């Protein structure tokens, strides 16, 4: 229910931000980018998708400038990310912080 509320608010803010709501937004790749951002940043915290959106924007900008096969590159990054950091950037950060606290207490 909370996710639906935030999704509705985001959709309501989309049109005023961009000036219109066109059918181009309804393409599955646009939704895929949103999911990619969430997985990249981590979905267990509120800040995770925000961090993921920032990281994805920089990653996509770099990939588009680097190769014409940028979608393949981003797909490979997503596979590596899911295998290496299943909880995303924020989850890995939290795990590293917990490990550092455990070492400090020993």
PDB file of N, CA and C in Angstrom:
ATOM      1  N   UNK A   1       0.817  -1.173   0.000  1.00  0.00           N
ATOM      2  CA  UNK A   1       0.000   0.000   0.000  1.00  0.00           C
ATOM      3  C   UNK A   1       0.877   1.258   0.000  1.00  0.00           C
ATOM      4  N   UNK A   2       1.920   1.247   0.802  1.00  0.00           N
ATOM      5  CA  UNK A   2       2.828   2.400   0.858  1.00  0.00           C
ATOM      6  C   UNK A   2       3.528   2.582  -0.483  1.00  0.00           C
ATOM      7  N   UNK A   3       3.949   1.486  -1.086  1.00  0.00           N
ATOM      8  CA  UNK A   3       4.578   1.567  -2.400  1.00  0.00           C
ATOM      9  C   UNK A   3       3.623   2.150  -3.431  1.00  0.00           C
ATOM     10  N   UNK A   4       2.371   1.746  -3.379  1.00  0.00           N
ATOM     11  CA  UNK A   4       1.367   2.277  -4.304  1.00  0.00           C
ATOM     12  C   UNK A   4       1.142   3.767  -4.110  1.00  0.00           C
ATOM     13  N   UNK A   5       1.188   4.209  -2.860  1.00  0.00           N
ATOM     14  CA  UNK A   5       1.028   5.639  -2.574  1.00  0.00           C
ATOM     15  C   UNK A   5       2.173   6.437  -3.188  1.00  0.00           C
ATOM     16  N   UNK A   6       3.410   5.978  -2.959  1.00  0.00           N
ATOM     17  CA  UNK A   6       4.557   6.686  -3.516  1.00  0.00           C
ATOM     18  C   UNK A   6       4.565   6.637  -5.038  1.00  0.00           C
ATOM     19  N   UNK A   7       4.143   5.523  -5.607  1.00  0.00           N
ATOM     20  CA  UNK A   7       4.065   5.412  -7.063  1.00  0.00           C
ATOM     21  C   UNK A   7       3.035   6.379  -7.621  1.00  0.00           C
ATOM     22  N   UNK A   8       1.892   6.494  -6.967  1.00  0.00           N
ATOM     23  CA  UNK A   8       0.866   7.435  -7.400  1.00  0.00           C
ATOM     24  C   UNK A   8       1.330   8.879  -7.308  1.00  0.00           C
ATOM     25  N   UNK A   9       2.029   9.207  -6.228  1.00  0.00           N
ATOM     26  CA  UNK A   9       2.551  10.567  -6.072  1.00  0.00           C
ATOM     27  C   UNK A   9       3.597  10.854  -7.152  1.00  0.00           C
ATOM     28  N   UNK A  10       4.459   9.875  -7.412  1.00  0.00           N
ATOM     29  CA  UNK A  10       5.476  10.063  -8.457  1.00  0.00           C
ATOM     30  C   UNK A  10       4.828  10.264  -9.820  1.00  0.00           C
ATOM     31  N   UNK A  11       3.801   9.503 -10.112  1.00  0.00           N
ATOM     32  CA  UNK A  11       3.094   9.671 -11.377  1.00  0.00           C
ATOM     33  C   UNK A  11       2.395  11.012 -11.479  1.00  0.00           C
ATOM     34  N   UNK A  12       1.834  11.469 -10.377  1.00  0.00           N
ATOM     35  CA  UNK A  12       1.163  12.769 -10.375  1.00  0.00           C
ATOM     36  C   UNK A  12       2.156  13.907 -10.544  1.00  0.00           C
ATOM     37  N   UNK A  13       3.375  13.741 -10.066  1.00  0.00           N
ATOM     38  CA  UNK A  13       4.394  14.781 -10.197  1.00  0.00           C
ATOM     39  C   UNK A  13       5.119  14.740 -11.536  1.00  0.00           C
ATOM     40  N   UNK A  14       4.986  13.633 -12.260  1.00  0.00           N
ATOM     41  CA  UNK A  14       5.689  13.467 -13.540  1.00  0.00           C
ATOM     42  C   UNK A  14       5.229  14.489 -14.577  1.00  0.00           C
ATOM     43  N   UNK A  15       3.933  14.646 -14.734  1.00  0.00           N
ATOM     44  CA  UNK A  15       3.401  15.553 -15.762  1.00  0.00           C
ATOM     45  C   UNK A  15       3.791  17.009 -15.519  1.00  0.00           C
ATOM     46  N   UNK A  16       3.623  17.566 -14.317  1.00  0.00           N
ATOM     47  CA  UNK A  16       4.051  18.963 -14.127  1.00  0.00           C
ATOM     48  C   UNK A  16       5.560  19.160 -14.305  1.00  0.00           C
ATOM     49  N   UNK A  17       6.355  18.148 -13.941  1.00  0.00           N
ATOM     50  CA  UNK A  17       7.797  18.263 -14.070  1.00  0.00           C
ATOM     51  C   UNK A  17       8.224  18.318 -15.530  1.00  0.00           C
ATOM     52  N   UNK A  18       7.624  17.479 -16.359  1.00  0.00           N
ATOM     53  CA  UNK A  18       8.008  17.388 -17.770  1.00  0.00           C
ATOM     54  C   UNK A  18       7.102  18.180 -18.702  1.00  0.00           C
ATOM     55  N   UNK A  19       6.031  18.719 -18.199  1.00  0.00           N
ATOM     56  CA  UNK A  19       5.147  19.526 -19.031  1.00  0.00           C
ATOM     57  C   UNK A  19       4.063  18.743 -19.736  1.00  0.00           C
ATOM     58  N   UNK A  20       4.205  17.427 -19.825  1.00  0.00           N
ATOM     59  CA  UNK A  20       3.183  16.585 -20.438  1.00  0.00           C
ATOM     60  C   UNK A  20       3.397  15.141 -20.017  1.00  0.00           C
ATOM     61  N   UNK A  21       2.386  14.341 -20.229  1.00  0.00           N
ATOM     62  CA  UNK A  21       2.478  12.900 -19.979  1.00  0.00           C
ATOM     63  C   UNK A  21       2.163  12.208 -21.301  1.00  0.00           C
ATOM     64  N   UNK A  22       3.194  11.766 -21.978  1.00  0.00           N
ATOM     65  CA  UNK A  22       3.021  11.153 -23.288  1.00  0.00           C
ATOM     66  C   UNK A  22       3.062   9.633 -23.177  1.00  0.00           C
ATOM     67  N   UNK A  23       2.609   8.929 -24.218  1.00  0.00           N
ATOM     68  CA  UNK A  23       2.653   7.463 -24.196  1.00  0.00           C
ATOM     69  C   UNK A  23       4.073   6.891 -24.169  1.00  0.00           C
ATOM     70  N   UNK A  24       5.082   7.712 -24.467  1.00  0.00           N
ATOM     71  CA  UNK A  24       6.458   7.230 -24.417  1.00  0.00           C
ATOM     72  C   UNK A  24       6.859   6.768 -23.027  1.00  0.00           C
ATOM     73  N   UNK A  25       6.206   7.292 -22.021  1.00  0.00           N
ATOM     74  CA  UNK A  25       6.514   6.941 -20.642  1.00  0.00           C
ATOM     75  C   UNK A  25       5.997   5.530 -20.319  1.00  0.00           C
ATOM     76  N   UNK A  26       5.056   5.043 -21.077  1.00  0.00           N
ATOM     77  CA  UNK A  26       4.452   3.740 -20.799  1.00  0.00           C
ATOM     78  C   UNK A  26       5.218   2.560 -21.401  1.00  0.00           C
ATOM     79  N   UNK A  27       6.361   2.799 -21.987  1.00  0.00           N
ATOM     80  CA  UNK A  27       7.169   1.745 -22.578  1.00  0.00           C
ATOM     81  C   UNK A  27       7.829   0.940 -21.461  1.00  0.00           C
ATOM     82  N   UNK A  28       7.960  -0.357 -21.632  1.00  0.00           N
ATOM     83  CA  UNK A  28       8.487  -1.217 -20.577  1.00  0.00           C
ATOM     84  C   UNK A  28       9.935  -0.886 -20.235  1.00  0.00           C
ATOM     85  N   UNK A  29      10.696  -0.330 -21.179  1.00  0.00           N
ATOM     86  CA  UNK A  29      12.089  -0.012 -20.862  1.00  0.00           C
ATOM     87  C   UNK A  29      12.181   1.122 -19.850  1.00  0.00           C
ATOM     88  N   UNK A  30      11.237   2.053 -19.877  1.00  0.00           N
ATOM     89  CA  UNK A  30      11.222   3.126 -18.874  1.00  0.00           C
ATOM     90  C   UNK A  30      10.985   2.540 -17.487  1.00  0.00           C
ATOM     91  N   UNK A  31      10.040   1.623 -17.397  1.00  0.00           N
ATOM     92  CA  UNK A  31       9.798   0.956 -16.110  1.00  0.00           C
ATOM     93  C   UNK A  31      11.001   0.128 -15.692  1.00  0.00           C
ATOM     94  N   UNK A  32      11.667  -0.474 -16.666  1.00  0.00           N
ATOM     95  CA  UNK A  32      12.871  -1.248 -16.378  1.00  0.00           C
ATOM     96  C   UNK A  32      13.978  -0.395 -15.796  1.00  0.00           C
ATOM     97  N   UNK A  33      14.092   0.839 -16.270  1.00  0.00           N
ATOM     98  CA  UNK A  33      15.102   1.740 -15.711  1.00  0.00           C
ATOM     99  C   UNK A  33      14.791   2.064 -14.250  1.00  0.00           C
ATOM    100  N   UNK A  34      13.520   2.218 -13.931  1.00  0.00           N
ATOM    101  CA  UNK A  34      13.137   2.492 -12.550  1.00  0.00           C
ATOM    102  C   UNK A  34      13.494   1.303 -11.659  1.00  0.00           C
ATOM    103  N   UNK A  35      13.223   0.101 -12.150  1.00  0.00           N
ATOM    104  CA  UNK A  35      13.571  -1.103 -11.391  1.00  0.00           C
ATOM    105  C   UNK A  35      15.086  -1.213 -11.245  1.00  0.00           C
ATOM    106  N   UNK A  36      15.823  -0.904 -12.304  1.00  0.00           N
ATOM    107  CA  UNK A  36      17.284  -0.944 -12.269  1.00  0.00           C
ATOM    108  C   UNK A  36      17.808   0.010 -11.199  1.00  0.00           C
ATOM    109  N   UNK A  37      17.250   1.204 -11.143  1.00  0.00           N
ATOM    110  CA  UNK A  37      17.674   2.182 -10.138  1.00  0.00           C
ATOM    111  C   UNK A  37      17.434   1.663  -8.722  1.00  0.00           C
ATOM    112  N   UNK A  38      16.294   1.030  -8.530  1.00  0.00           N
ATOM    113  CA  UNK A  38      15.954   0.503  -7.210  1.00  0.00           C
ATOM    114  C   UNK A  38      16.881  -0.639  -6.822  1.00  0.00           C
ATOM    115  N   UNK A  39      17.158  -1.536  -7.750  1.00  0.00           N
ATOM    116  CA  UNK A  39      18.055  -2.667  -7.471  1.00  0.00           C
ATOM    117  C   UNK A  39      19.470  -2.160  -7.241  1.00  0.00           C
ATOM    118  N   UNK A  40      19.893  -1.189  -8.009  1.00  0.00           N
ATOM    119  CA  UNK A  40      21.243  -0.649  -7.876  1.00  0.00           C
ATOM    120  C   UNK A  40      21.459   0.002  -6.515  1.00  0.00           C
ATOM    121  N   UNK A  41      20.515   0.799  -6.085  1.00  0.00           N
ATOM    122  CA  UNK A  41      20.671   1.499  -4.813  1.00  0.00           C
ATOM    123  C   UNK A  41      20.325   0.654  -3.604  1.00  0.00           C
ATOM    124  N   UNK A  42      19.406  -0.262  -3.763  1.00  0.00           N
ATOM    125  CA  UNK A  42      18.945  -1.081  -2.647  1.00  0.00           C
ATOM    126  C   UNK A  42      17.510  -0.755  -2.320  1.00  0.00           C
ATOM    127  N   UNK A  43      16.717  -1.773  -2.142  1.00  0.00           N
ATOM    128  CA  UNK A  43      15.279  -1.576  -1.958  1.00  0.00           C
ATOM    129  C   UNK A  43      14.842  -1.684  -0.507  1.00  0.00           C
ATOM    130  N   UNK A  44      15.749  -1.859   0.405  1.00  0.00           N
ATOM    131  CA  UNK A  44      15.370  -2.013   1.813  1.00  0.00           C
ATOM    132  C   UNK A  44      15.408  -0.715   2.594  1.00  0.00           C
ATOM    133  N   UNK A  45      15.886   0.339   1.967  1.00  0.00           N
ATOM    134  CA  UNK A  45      15.923   1.642   2.617  1.00  0.00           C
ATOM    135  C   UNK A  45      15.228   2.665   1.738  1.00  0.00           C
ATOM    136  N   UNK A  46      14.847   3.771   2.335  1.00  0.00           N
ATOM    137  CA  UNK A  46      14.211   4.847   1.581  1.00  0.00           C
ATOM    138  C   UNK A  46      15.224   5.552   0.681  1.00  0.00           C
ATOM    139  N   UNK A  47      16.463   5.664   1.142  1.00  0.00           N
ATOM    140  CA  UNK A  47      17.500   6.384   0.415  1.00  0.00           C
ATOM    141  C   UNK A  47      18.077   5.538  -0.721  1.00  0.00           C
ATOM    142  N   UNK A  48      17.934   4.225  -0.658  1.00  0.00           N
ATOM    143  CA  UNK A  48      18.512   3.335  -1.658  1.00  0.00           C
ATOM    144  C   UNK A  48      18.125   3.660  -3.090  1.00  0.00           C
ATOM    145  N   UNK A  49      16.841   3.767  -3.410  1.00  0.00           N
ATOM    146  CA  UNK A  49      16.478   4.113  -4.786  1.00  0.00           C
ATOM    147  C   UNK A  49      16.967   5.493  -5.222  1.00  0.00           C
ATOM    148  N   UNK A  50      17.094   6.418  -4.297  1.00  0.00           N
ATOM    149  CA  UNK A  50      17.621   7.739  -4.641  1.00  0.00           C
ATOM    150  C   UNK A  50      19.087   7.621  -5.034  1.00  0.00           C
ATOM    151  N   UNK A  51      19.854   6.896  -4.232  1.00  0.00           N
ATOM    152  CA  UNK A  51      21.263   6.661  -4.551  1.00  0.00           C
ATOM    153  C   UNK A  51      21.371   5.892  -5.865  1.00  0.00           C
ATOM    154  N   UNK A  52      20.493   4.911  -6.059  1.00  0.00           N
ATOM    155  CA  UNK A  52      20.493   4.145  -7.296  1.00  0.00           C
ATOM    156  C   UNK A  52      20.171   4.994  -8.510  1.00  0.00           C
ATOM    157  N   UNK A  53      19.256   5.946  -8.370  1.00  0.00           N
ATOM    158  CA  UNK A  53      18.914   6.837  -9.487  1.00  0.00           C
ATOM    159  C   UNK A  53      20.098   7.706  -9.874  1.00  0.00           C
ATOM    160  N   UNK A  54      20.809   8.212  -8.880  1.00  0.00           N
ATOM    161  CA  UNK A  54      21.983   9.035  -9.164  1.00  0.00           C
ATOM    162  C   UNK A  54      23.066   8.191  -9.830  1.00  0.00           C
ATOM    163  N   UNK A  55      23.332   7.014  -9.272  1.00  0.00           N
ATOM    164  CA  UNK A  55      24.358   6.139  -9.842  1.00  0.00           C
ATOM    165  C   UNK A  55      23.967   5.686 -11.253  1.00  0.00           C
ATOM    166  N   UNK A  56      22.698   5.355 -11.467  1.00  0.00           N
ATOM    167  CA  UNK A  56      22.239   4.910 -12.782  1.00  0.00           C
ATOM    168  C   UNK A  56      22.380   6.024 -13.811  1.00  0.00           C
ATOM    169  N   UNK A  57      22.056   7.245 -13.435  1.00  0.00           N
ATOM    170  CA  UNK A  57      22.160   8.354 -14.372  1.00  0.00           C
ATOM    171  C   UNK A  57      23.603   8.552 -14.828  1.00  0.00           C
ATOM    172  N   UNK A  58      24.545   8.524 -13.889  1.00  0.00           N
ATOM    173  CA  UNK A  58      25.953   8.637 -14.259  1.00  0.00           C
ATOM    174  C   UNK A  58      26.415   7.437 -15.071  1.00  0.00           C
ATOM    175  N   UNK A  59      26.001   6.249 -14.678  1.00  0.00           N
ATOM    176  CA  UNK A  59      26.392   5.038 -15.393  1.00  0.00           C
ATOM    177  C   UNK A  59      25.844   5.040 -16.820  1.00  0.00           C
ATOM    178  N   UNK A  60      24.600   5.431 -16.986  1.00  0.00           N
ATOM    179  CA  UNK A  60      23.992   5.458 -18.320  1.00  0.00           C
ATOM    180  C   UNK A  60      24.665   6.519 -19.187  1.00  0.00           C
ATOM    181  N   UNK A  61      24.942   7.689 -18.633  1.00  0.00           N
ATOM    182  CA  UNK A  61      25.609   8.744 -19.396  1.00  0.00           C
ATOM    183  C   UNK A  61      26.981   8.286 -19.865  1.00  0.00           C
ATOM    184  N   UNK A  62      27.723   7.622 -18.984  1.00  0.00           N
ATOM    185  CA  UNK A  62      29.043   7.113 -19.347  1.00  0.00           C
ATOM    186  C   UNK A  62      28.930   6.012 -20.393  1.00  0.00           C
ATOM    187  N   UNK A  63      27.982   5.095 -20.218  1.00  0.00           N
ATOM    188  CA  UNK A  63      27.838   3.966 -21.140  1.00  0.00           C
ATOM    189  C   UNK A  63      27.416   4.430 -22.529  1.00  0.00           C
ATOM    190  N   UNK A  64      26.518   5.407 -22.608  1.00  0.00           N
ATOM    191  CA  UNK A  64      26.075   5.917 -23.915  1.00  0.00           C
ATOM    192  C   UNK A  64      27.235   6.584 -24.643  1.00  0.00           C
ATOM    193  N   UNK A  65      28.086   7.282 -23.925  1.00  0.00           N
ATOM    194  CA  UNK A  65      29.244   7.924 -24.547  1.00  0.00           C
ATOM    195  C   UNK A  65      30.352   6.954 -24.881  1.00  0.00           C
ATOM    196  N   UNK A  66      30.365   5.813 -24.235  1.00  0.00           N
ATOM    197  CA  UNK A  66      31.446   4.846 -24.405  1.00  0.00           C
ATOM    198  C   UNK A  66      31.198   3.891 -25.565  1.00  0.00           C
ATOM    199  N   UNK A  67      29.968   3.421 -25.743  1.00  0.00           N
ATOM    200  CA  UNK A  67      29.673   2.416 -26.761  1.00  0.00           C
ATOM    201  C   UNK A  67      28.241   2.559 -27.274  1.00  0.00           C
ATOM    202  N   UNK A  68      28.027   2.060 -28.484  1.00  0.00           N
ATOM    203  CA  UNK A  68      26.663   2.062 -29.018  1.00  0.00           C
ATOM    204  C   UNK A  68      25.853   0.913 -28.423  1.00  0.00           C
ATOM    205  N   UNK A  69      26.527  -0.025 -27.811  1.00  0.00           N
ATOM    206  CA  UNK A  69      25.866  -1.164 -27.159  1.00  0.00           C
ATOM    207  C   UNK A  69      25.692  -0.904 -25.669  1.00  0.00           C
ATOM    208  N   UNK A  70      25.257   0.289 -25.323  1.00  0.00           N
ATOM    209  CA  UNK A  70      25.169   0.686 -23.931  1.00  0.00           C
ATOM    210  C   UNK A  70      24.142  -0.136 -23.165  1.00  0.00           C
ATOM    211  N   UNK A  71      23.082  -0.589 -23.833  1.00  0.00           N
ATOM    212  CA  UNK A  71      22.079  -1.407 -23.141  1.00  0.00           C
ATOM    213  C   UNK A  71      22.661  -2.758 -22.737  1.00  0.00           C
ATOM    214  N   UNK A  72      23.505  -3.326 -23.583  1.00  0.00           N
ATOM    215  CA  UNK A  72      24.181  -4.578 -23.244  1.00  0.00           C
ATOM    216  C   UNK A  72      25.116  -4.368 -22.061  1.00  0.00           C
ATOM    217  N   UNK A  73      25.825  -3.266 -22.066  1.00  0.00           N
ATOM    218  CA  UNK A  73      26.729  -2.956 -20.959  1.00  0.00           C
ATOM    219  C   UNK A  73      25.962  -2.784 -19.648  1.00  0.00           C
ATOM    220  N   UNK A  74      24.839  -2.070 -19.696  1.00  0.00           N
ATOM    221  CA  UNK A  74      24.041  -1.892 -18.488  1.00  0.00           C
ATOM    222  C   UNK A  74      23.435  -3.213 -18.021  1.00  0.00           C
ATOM    223  N   UNK A  75      23.056  -4.082 -18.959  1.00  0.00           N
ATOM    224  CA  UNK A  75      22.557  -5.403 -18.589  1.00  0.00           C
ATOM    225  C   UNK A  75      23.614  -6.235 -17.882  1.00  0.00           C
ATOM    226  N   UNK A  76      24.843  -6.172 -18.391  1.00  0.00           N
ATOM    227  CA  UNK A  76      25.939  -6.899 -17.739  1.00  0.00           C
ATOM    228  C   UNK A  76      26.206  -6.349 -16.339  1.00  0.00           C
ATOM    229  N   UNK A  77      26.136  -5.031 -16.202  1.00  0.00           N
ATOM    230  CA  UNK A  77      26.311  -4.420 -14.882  1.00  0.00           C
ATOM    231  C   UNK A  77      25.212  -4.880 -13.932  1.00  0.00           C
ATOM    232  N   UNK A  78      23.990  -4.984 -14.429  1.00  0.00           N
ATOM    233  CA  UNK A  78      22.878  -5.434 -13.594  1.00  0.00           C
ATOM    234  C   UNK A  78      23.083  -6.873 -13.127  1.00  0.00           C
ATOM    235  N   UNK A  79      23.538  -7.739 -14.004  1.00  0.00           N
ATOM    236  CA  UNK A  79      23.782  -9.138 -13.629  1.00  0.00           C
ATOM    237  C   UNK A  79      24.886  -9.208 -12.575  1.00  0.00           C
ATOM    238  N   UNK A  80      25.969  -8.500 -12.791  1.00  0.00           N
ATOM    239  CA  UNK A  80      27.071  -8.491 -11.823  1.00  0.00           C
ATOM    240  C   UNK A  80      26.603  -7.919 -10.498  1.00  0.00           C
ATOM    241  N   UNK A  81      25.801  -6.876 -10.554  1.00  0.00           N
ATOM    242  CA  UNK A  81      25.294  -6.248  -9.341  1.00  0.00           C
ATOM    243  C   UNK A  81      24.441  -7.203  -8.526  1.00  0.00           C
ATOM    244  N   UNK A  82      23.544  -7.905  -9.183  1.00  0.00           N
ATOM    245  CA  UNK A  82      22.663  -8.830  -8.471  1.00  0.00           C
ATOM    246  C   UNK A  82      23.466  -9.961  -7.843  1.00  0.00           C
ATOM    247  N   UNK A  83      24.517 -10.413  -8.519  1.00  0.00           N
ATOM    248  CA  UNK A  83      25.340 -11.484  -7.970  1.00  0.00           C
ATOM    249  C   UNK A  83      26.278 -10.993  -6.861  1.00  0.00           C
ATOM    250  N   UNK A  84      26.862  -9.810  -7.033  1.00  0.00           N
ATOM    251  CA  UNK A  84      27.848  -9.322  -6.077  1.00  0.00           C
ATOM    252  C   UNK A  84      27.218  -8.553  -4.912  1.00  0.00           C
ATOM    253  N   UNK A  85      26.220  -7.735  -5.208  1.00  0.00           N
ATOM    254  CA  UNK A  85      25.586  -6.907  -4.178  1.00  0.00           C
ATOM    255  C   UNK A  85      24.077  -7.128  -4.212  1.00  0.00           C
ATOM    256  N   UNK A  86      23.598  -8.227  -3.688  1.00  0.00           N
ATOM    257  CA  UNK A  86      22.161  -8.502  -3.785  1.00  0.00           C
ATOM    258  C   UNK A  86      21.281  -7.502  -3.038  1.00  0.00           C
ATOM    259  N   UNK A  87      21.833  -6.772  -2.099  1.00  0.00           N
ATOM    260  CA  UNK A  87      21.043  -5.767  -1.377  1.00  0.00           C
ATOM    261  C   UNK A  87      21.333  -4.352  -1.866  1.00  0.00           C
ATOM    262  N   UNK A  88      22.074  -4.202  -2.956  1.00  0.00           N
ATOM    263  CA  UNK A  88      22.344  -2.903  -3.544  1.00  0.00           C
ATOM    264  C   UNK A  88      23.472  -2.160  -2.852  1.00  0.00           C
ATOM    265  N   UNK A  89      23.663  -0.932  -3.280  1.00  0.00           N
ATOM    266  CA  UNK A  89      24.747  -0.103  -2.750  1.00  0.00           C
ATOM    267  C   UNK A  89      24.539   0.192  -1.272  1.00  0.00           C
ATOM    268  N   UNK A  90      23.343   0.576  -0.907  1.00  0.00           N
ATOM    269  CA  UNK A  90      23.082   0.919   0.495  1.00  0.00           C
ATOM    270  C   UNK A  90      23.140  -0.318   1.389  1.00  0.00           C
ATOM    271  N   UNK A  91      22.711  -1.457   0.891  1.00  0.00           N
ATOM    272  CA  UNK A  91      22.808  -2.687   1.668  1.00  0.00           C
ATOM    273  C   UNK A  91      24.256  -3.088   1.899  1.00  0.00           C
ATOM    274  N   UNK A  92      25.095  -2.928   0.875  1.00  0.00           N
ATOM    275  CA  UNK A  92      26.522  -3.232   1.019  1.00  0.00           C
ATOM    276  C   UNK A  92      27.184  -2.252   1.981  1.00  0.00           C
ATOM    277  N   UNK A  93      26.756  -1.006   1.924  1.00  0.00           N
ATOM    278  CA  UNK A  93      27.291  -0.004   2.844  1.00  0.00           C
ATOM    279  C   UNK A  93      26.932  -0.338   4.287  1.00  0.00           C
ATOM    280  N   UNK A  94      25.699  -0.758   4.472  1.00  0.00           N
ATOM    281  CA  UNK A  94      25.249  -1.111   5.825  1.00  0.00           C
ATOM    282  C   UNK A  94      25.998  -2.342   6.339  1.00  0.00           C
ATOM    283  N   UNK A  95      26.191  -3.333   5.480  1.00  0.00           N
ATOM    284  CA  UNK A  95      26.924  -4.541   5.883  1.00  0.00           C
ATOM    285  C   UNK A  95      28.369  -4.209   6.233  1.00  0.00           C
ATOM    286  N   UNK A  96      28.994  -3.325   5.466  1.00  0.00           N
ATOM    287  CA  UNK A  96      30.371  -2.919   5.751  1.00  0.00           C
ATOM    288  C   UNK A  96      30.453  -2.174   7.078  1.00  0.00           C
ATOM    289  N   UNK A  97      29.448  -1.345   7.350  1.00  0.00           N
ATOM    290  CA  UNK A  97      29.427  -0.605   8.620  1.00  0.00           C
ATOM    291  C   UNK A  97      29.269  -1.562   9.799  1.00  0.00           C
ATOM    292  N   UNK A  98      28.426  -2.570   9.665  1.00  0.00           N
ATOM    293  CA  UNK A  98      28.232  -3.558  10.730  1.00  0.00           C
ATOM    294  C   UNK A  98      29.516  -4.345  10.964  1.00  0.00           C
ATOM    295  N   UNK A  99      30.192  -4.733   9.876  1.00  0.00           N
ATOM    296  CA  UNK A  99      31.461  -5.455  10.017  1.00  0.00           C
ATOM    297  C   UNK A  99      32.513  -4.587  10.711  1.00  0.00           C
ATOM    298  N   UNK A 100      32.542  -3.310  10.375  1.00  0.00           N
ATOM    299  CA  UNK A 100      33.513  -2.405  11.017  1.00  0.00           C
ATOM    300  C   UNK A 100      33.226  -2.252  12.503  1.00  0.00           C
ATOM    301  N   UNK A 101      31.952  -2.197  12.864  1.00  0.00           N
ATOM    302  CA  UNK A 101      31.588  -2.102  14.280  1.00  0.00           C
ATOM    303  C   UNK A 101      31.964  -3.383  15.029  1.00  0.00           C
ATOM    304  N   UNK A 102      31.773  -4.533  14.391  1.00  0.00           N
ATOM    305  CA  UNK A 102      32.147  -5.799  15.026  1.00  0.00           C
ATOM    306  C   UNK A 102      33.646  -5.856  15.254  1.00  0.00           C
ATOM    307  N   UNK A 103      34.438  -5.395  14.260  1.00  0.00           N
ATOM    308  CA  UNK A 103      35.887  -5.409  14.420  1.00  0.00           C
ATOM    309  C   UNK A 103      36.320  -4.440  15.512  1.00  0.00           C
ATOM    310  N   UNK A 104      35.641  -3.319  15.608  1.00  0.00           N
ATOM    311  CA  UNK A 104      35.995  -2.311  16.607  1.00  0.00           C
ATOM    312  C   UNK A 104      35.700  -2.824  18.014  1.00  0.00           C
ATOM    313  N   UNK A 105      34.648  -3.621  18.180  1.00  0.00           N
ATOM    314  CA  UNK A 105      34.273  -4.131  19.496  1.00  0.00           C
ATOM    315  C   UNK A 105      35.167  -5.275  19.953  1.00  0.00           C
ATOM    316  N   UNK A 106      35.859  -5.916  19.039  1.00  0.00           N
ATOM    317  CA  UNK A 106      36.719  -7.054  19.423  1.00  0.00           C
ATOM    318  C   UNK A 106      37.979  -6.619  20.051  1.00  0.00           C
TER     319      UNK A 106
END
